[in-house]
Amino acid sequence: MFYRIVTLIGGIVFVAVLFALLWFFCRKFLERHGVTDMVTDRATILATWTFAGVSVGLLFAVVGAFVLGPWAFYRTLRGHDVPISDAAAVLWGLAIVVAALAITGIGFGAFLIAVGAV
C-alpha cells in the first residue's frame, strides 16, 4: 500500500514537472523569437493550451499527444503575433512536446525503478 501512495504522489509531481517543462520551453521559444512584452503571461497561456492538447492526446492514444500538443501550440501561437511560419510553428510545437515528454518520461521511469514499482 505504501508504494501505491508514493507512486501516486510521484505521478502528481511529474504532471507538475511536465507543465513546468512545457512552460520553460515555451518561454525560451518566445524569447528566441523576439517577444519582449508579457513573456511570462504569454508563456503561461501557450504552455497551458499545449499541456491541454498533450493531455487530451494521451487520453485517446499516446500518439495523439504528438498531434494535439503541437496543434494546440500552433493555434495558440497564432494569437500572439509571433513572426514565424505555420510549418515552423508546428515543428517547434512538436519539438517542445517531444522534449518535455521525454524528460518527464525518463524521470518518472527512474522514479518508478527507485521506489521498486517496476
C-alpha atoms as a PDB file:
ATOM      1  CA  MET A   1       0.000   0.000   0.000  1.00  0.00           C
ATOM      2  CA  PHE A   2       2.830   2.394   0.806  1.00  0.00           C
ATOM      3  CA  TYR A   3       4.295   2.030  -2.703  1.00  0.00           C
ATOM      4  CA  ARG A   4       0.947   2.870  -4.255  1.00  0.00           C
ATOM      5  CA  ILE A   5       0.720   6.108  -2.284  1.00  0.00           C
ATOM      6  CA  VAL A   6       4.319   7.035  -3.103  1.00  0.00           C
ATOM      7  CA  THR A   7       3.738   6.241  -6.779  1.00  0.00           C
ATOM      8  CA  LEU A   8       0.534   8.308  -6.852  1.00  0.00           C
ATOM      9  CA  ILE A   9       2.252  11.287  -5.240  1.00  0.00           C
ATOM     10  CA  GLY A  10       5.209  10.867  -7.612  1.00  0.00           C
ATOM     11  CA  GLY A  11       2.826  10.795 -10.575  1.00  0.00           C
ATOM     12  CA  ILE A  12       1.196  14.033  -9.463  1.00  0.00           C
ATOM     13  CA  VAL A  13       4.607  15.643  -9.031  1.00  0.00           C
ATOM     14  CA  PHE A  14       5.658  14.550 -12.511  1.00  0.00           C
ATOM     15  CA  VAL A  15       2.489  16.032 -14.033  1.00  0.00           C
ATOM     16  CA  ALA A  16       3.558  19.344 -12.484  1.00  0.00           C
ATOM     17  CA  VAL A  17       7.080  18.777 -13.849  1.00  0.00           C
ATOM     18  CA  LEU A  18       5.653  18.209 -17.339  1.00  0.00           C
ATOM     19  CA  PHE A  19       3.753  21.506 -17.187  1.00  0.00           C
ATOM     20  CA  ALA A  20       6.832  23.306 -15.830  1.00  0.00           C
ATOM     21  CA  LEU A  21       8.957  21.955 -18.684  1.00  0.00           C
ATOM     22  CA  LEU A  22       6.365  22.994 -21.264  1.00  0.00           C
ATOM     23  CA  TRP A  23       6.224  26.464 -19.708  1.00  0.00           C
ATOM     24  CA  PHE A  24      10.018  26.771 -19.678  1.00  0.00           C
ATOM     25  CA  PHE A  25      10.362  25.666 -23.307  1.00  0.00           C
ATOM     26  CA  CYS A  26       7.521  27.972 -24.404  1.00  0.00           C
ATOM     27  CA  ARG A  27       9.150  30.898 -22.609  1.00  0.00           C
ATOM     28  CA  LYS A  28      12.515  30.206 -24.276  1.00  0.00           C
ATOM     29  CA  PHE A  29      10.749  29.887 -27.634  1.00  0.00           C
ATOM     30  CA  LEU A  30       9.050  33.273 -27.228  1.00  0.00           C
ATOM     31  CA  GLU A  31      12.264  34.958 -26.073  1.00  0.00           C
ATOM     32  CA  ARG A  32      14.156  33.463 -29.014  1.00  0.00           C
ATOM     33  CA  HIS A  33      11.606  34.880 -31.434  1.00  0.00           C
ATOM     34  CA  GLY A  34      11.767  38.403 -30.079  1.00  0.00           C
ATOM     35  CA  VAL A  35       8.725  38.577 -27.818  1.00  0.00           C
ATOM     36  CA  THR A  36       9.559  41.023 -25.038  1.00  0.00           C
ATOM     37  CA  ASP A  37       6.290  42.234 -23.517  1.00  0.00           C
ATOM     38  CA  MET A  38       4.348  39.999 -21.110  1.00  0.00           C
ATOM     39  CA  VAL A  39       6.576  36.990 -21.839  1.00  0.00           C
ATOM     40  CA  THR A  40       5.597  35.198 -18.622  1.00  0.00           C
ATOM     41  CA  ASP A  41       1.868  35.571 -19.270  1.00  0.00           C
ATOM     42  CA  ARG A  42       2.187  34.565 -22.898  1.00  0.00           C
ATOM     43  CA  ALA A  43       4.337  31.563 -21.994  1.00  0.00           C
ATOM     44  CA  THR A  44       1.754  30.510 -19.413  1.00  0.00           C
ATOM     45  CA  ILE A  45      -1.090  30.702 -21.934  1.00  0.00           C
ATOM     46  CA  LEU A  46       0.949  28.882 -24.573  1.00  0.00           C
ATOM     47  CA  ALA A  47       2.040  26.170 -22.126  1.00  0.00           C
ATOM     48  CA  THR A  48      -1.485  25.741 -20.750  1.00  0.00           C
ATOM     49  CA  TRP A  49      -3.018  25.088 -24.139  1.00  0.00           C
ATOM     50  CA  THR A  50      -0.116  22.881 -25.212  1.00  0.00           C
ATOM     51  CA  PHE A  51      -0.463  20.913 -21.965  1.00  0.00           C
ATOM     52  CA  ALA A  52      -4.197  20.561 -22.595  1.00  0.00           C
ATOM     53  CA  GLY A  53      -3.534  19.235 -26.095  1.00  0.00           C
ATOM     54  CA  VAL A  54      -0.943  16.770 -24.827  1.00  0.00           C
ATOM     55  CA  SER A  55      -3.244  15.621 -22.021  1.00  0.00           C
ATOM     56  CA  VAL A  56      -6.219  15.020 -24.291  1.00  0.00           C
ATOM     57  CA  GLY A  57      -3.942  13.304 -26.796  1.00  0.00           C
ATOM     58  CA  LEU A  58      -2.584  10.993 -24.103  1.00  0.00           C
ATOM     59  CA  LEU A  59      -6.121  10.022 -23.104  1.00  0.00           C
ATOM     60  CA  PHE A  60      -7.053   8.823 -26.585  1.00  0.00           C
ATOM     61  CA  ALA A  61      -3.755   7.267 -27.575  1.00  0.00           C
ATOM     62  CA  VAL A  62      -0.165   8.080 -26.812  1.00  0.00           C
ATOM     63  CA  VAL A  63       0.368   9.115 -30.437  1.00  0.00           C
ATOM     64  CA  GLY A  64      -2.405  11.692 -30.055  1.00  0.00           C
ATOM     65  CA  ALA A  65      -0.214  13.727 -27.715  1.00  0.00           C
ATOM     66  CA  PHE A  66       2.218  14.288 -30.561  1.00  0.00           C
ATOM     67  CA  VAL A  67      -0.613  15.528 -32.788  1.00  0.00           C
ATOM     68  CA  LEU A  68      -2.844  17.532 -30.457  1.00  0.00           C
ATOM     69  CA  GLY A  69       0.016  19.087 -28.446  1.00  0.00           C
ATOM     70  CA  PRO A  70       1.753  20.718 -31.439  1.00  0.00           C
ATOM     71  CA  TRP A  71      -1.620  21.671 -32.929  1.00  0.00           C
ATOM     72  CA  ALA A  72      -2.633  23.424 -29.681  1.00  0.00           C
ATOM     73  CA  PHE A  73       0.783  25.133 -29.594  1.00  0.00           C
ATOM     74  CA  TYR A  74       0.340  26.332 -33.183  1.00  0.00           C
ATOM     75  CA  ARG A  75      -3.248  27.564 -32.669  1.00  0.00           C
ATOM     76  CA  THR A  76      -2.323  29.449 -29.501  1.00  0.00           C
ATOM     77  CA  LEU A  77       0.826  30.894 -31.059  1.00  0.00           C
ATOM     78  CA  ARG A  78      -1.207  32.382 -33.927  1.00  0.00           C
ATOM     79  CA  GLY A  79      -2.894  34.689 -31.400  1.00  0.00           C
ATOM     80  CA  HIS A  80       0.413  36.075 -30.117  1.00  0.00           C
ATOM     81  CA  ASP A  81       1.618  37.635 -33.389  1.00  0.00           C
ATOM     82  CA  VAL A  82       4.996  35.886 -33.348  1.00  0.00           C
ATOM     83  CA  PRO A  83       6.735  36.293 -36.720  1.00  0.00           C
ATOM     84  CA  ILE A  84       7.109  32.617 -37.669  1.00  0.00           C
ATOM     85  CA  SER A  85       5.740  30.497 -40.492  1.00  0.00           C
ATOM     86  CA  ASP A  86       2.968  27.989 -39.895  1.00  0.00           C
ATOM     87  CA  ALA A  87       5.177  24.991 -40.608  1.00  0.00           C
ATOM     88  CA  ALA A  88       7.904  26.237 -38.287  1.00  0.00           C
ATOM     89  CA  ALA A  89       5.337  26.835 -35.530  1.00  0.00           C
ATOM     90  CA  VAL A  90       4.062  23.259 -35.793  1.00  0.00           C
ATOM     91  CA  LEU A  91       7.610  21.864 -35.811  1.00  0.00           C
ATOM     92  CA  TRP A  92       8.573  23.977 -32.790  1.00  0.00           C
ATOM     93  CA  GLY A  93       5.448  22.743 -31.034  1.00  0.00           C
ATOM     94  CA  LEU A  94       6.376  19.145 -31.821  1.00  0.00           C
ATOM     95  CA  ALA A  95       9.925  19.677 -30.568  1.00  0.00           C
ATOM     96  CA  ILE A  96       8.691  21.226 -27.327  1.00  0.00           C
ATOM     97  CA  VAL A  97       6.197  18.397 -26.745  1.00  0.00           C
ATOM     98  CA  VAL A  98       8.749  15.674 -27.525  1.00  0.00           C
ATOM     99  CA  ALA A  99      11.415  17.224 -25.290  1.00  0.00           C
ATOM    100  CA  ALA A 100       9.055  17.774 -22.352  1.00  0.00           C
ATOM    101  CA  LEU A 101       7.522  14.293 -22.590  1.00  0.00           C
ATOM    102  CA  ALA A 102      10.911  12.605 -22.982  1.00  0.00           C
ATOM    103  CA  ILE A 103      12.433  14.339 -19.959  1.00  0.00           C
ATOM    104  CA  THR A 104       9.336  13.677 -17.848  1.00  0.00           C
ATOM    105  CA  GLY A 105       9.061  10.065 -19.006  1.00  0.00           C
ATOM    106  CA  ILE A 106      12.690   9.295 -18.262  1.00  0.00           C
ATOM    107  CA  GLY A 107      12.414  10.939 -14.850  1.00  0.00           C
ATOM    108  CA  PHE A 108       9.211   9.083 -13.976  1.00  0.00           C
ATOM    109  CA  GLY A 109      10.681   5.786 -15.163  1.00  0.00           C
ATOM    110  CA  ALA A 110      13.706   6.345 -12.955  1.00  0.00           C
ATOM    111  CA  PHE A 111      11.378   7.236 -10.075  1.00  0.00           C
ATOM    112  CA  LEU A 112       9.411   4.011 -10.508  1.00  0.00           C
ATOM    113  CA  ILE A 113      12.615   1.981 -10.538  1.00  0.00           C
ATOM    114  CA  ALA A 114      13.875   3.804  -7.446  1.00  0.00           C
ATOM    115  CA  VAL A 115      10.750   3.015  -5.425  1.00  0.00           C
ATOM    116  CA  GLY A 116      10.685  -0.573  -6.652  1.00  0.00           C
ATOM    117  CA  ALA A 117       7.428  -0.323  -8.562  1.00  0.00           C
ATOM    118  CA  VAL A 118       8.972  -1.754 -11.716  1.00  0.00           C
END
